[in-house]
Protein backbone atom coordinates (compact mmCIF):
# COMPACT_ATOMS: atom_id res chain seq x y z
CA UNK A 1 99.59 3.36 55.65
CA UNK A 2 100.54 0.79 53.05
CA UNK A 3 98.49 0.11 49.90
CA UNK A 4 95.91 -2.61 50.51
CA UNK A 5 95.96 -2.06 54.25
CA UNK A 6 92.45 -1.63 55.76
CA UNK A 7 91.50 1.85 56.89
CA UNK A 8 90.94 2.00 60.64
CA UNK A 9 90.20 4.79 63.07
CA UNK A 10 93.24 6.17 64.82
CA UNK A 11 92.66 7.07 68.44
CA UNK A 12 94.33 10.36 69.27
CA UNK A 13 92.75 10.98 72.63
CA UNK A 14 89.59 10.80 74.68
CA UNK A 15 86.23 10.83 72.97
CA UNK A 16 84.30 8.16 71.11
CA UNK A 17 85.76 9.09 67.72
CA UNK A 18 89.31 9.47 68.97
CA UNK A 19 89.41 13.13 68.01
CA UNK A 20 89.49 14.36 71.59
CA UNK A 21 86.02 15.91 71.31
CA UNK A 22 82.87 14.79 73.16
CA UNK A 23 80.26 12.94 71.16
CA UNK A 24 77.24 14.76 69.73
CA UNK A 25 75.00 12.75 72.06
CA UNK A 26 76.89 14.13 75.07
CA UNK A 27 76.74 17.71 73.77
CA UNK A 28 73.00 17.68 73.14
CA UNK A 29 71.86 15.58 76.09
CA UNK A 30 68.55 17.07 77.28
CA UNK A 31 67.72 14.60 80.05
CA UNK A 32 69.01 15.11 83.54
CA UNK A 33 71.56 12.65 84.85
CA UNK A 34 70.08 9.84 86.90
CA UNK A 35 71.25 9.00 90.39
CA UNK A 36 72.56 5.55 91.35
CA UNK A 37 69.42 5.03 93.47
CA UNK A 38 67.19 5.70 90.44
CA UNK A 39 69.17 3.19 88.38
CA UNK A 40 68.87 0.60 91.16
CA UNK A 41 65.12 1.12 91.53
CA UNK A 42 64.52 0.91 87.77
CA UNK A 43 66.51 -2.33 87.55
CA UNK A 44 64.51 -3.80 90.44
CA UNK A 45 61.24 -2.75 88.74
CA UNK A 46 62.32 -4.45 85.50
CA UNK A 47 63.10 -7.63 87.43
CA UNK A 48 59.54 -7.65 88.76
CA UNK A 49 60.09 -6.38 92.28
CA UNK A 50 57.59 -3.99 93.81
CA UNK A 51 59.50 -0.75 94.29
CA UNK A 52 57.56 2.26 95.60
CA UNK A 53 57.73 5.32 93.38
CA UNK A 54 59.16 8.51 94.93
CA UNK A 55 56.63 10.99 96.24
CA UNK A 56 55.64 13.67 93.79
CA UNK A 57 56.18 17.22 95.03
CA UNK A 58 53.00 19.25 95.57
CA UNK A 59 51.68 21.33 92.67
CA UNK A 60 51.54 24.45 94.85
CA UNK A 61 53.33 25.58 98.01
CA UNK A 62 51.80 24.98 101.41
CA UNK A 63 50.23 28.27 102.51
CA UNK A 64 48.34 27.03 105.59
CA UNK A 65 50.71 28.75 108.05
CA UNK A 66 50.44 32.05 106.18
CA UNK A 67 46.64 31.81 106.10
CA UNK A 68 46.60 31.14 109.84
CA UNK A 69 48.75 34.19 110.56
CA UNK A 70 46.49 36.37 108.42
CA UNK A 71 43.38 34.97 110.12
CA UNK A 72 41.90 33.56 106.93
């Protein structure tokens, strides 16, 4: 580097900082990755379309068959 030349980042490899290491955001990501369908539905919601929300799983397992077998 010559005197008076601006200091710039030198890219040595993959990674946002050019140091070949993943970013801190990628290392400490706590959210699960979203699926393409979830991205599509969220974009449609933001554009004002009526998109049904996915069904929520039950809070407890279905035990009706087991109760029937036990005669309860």
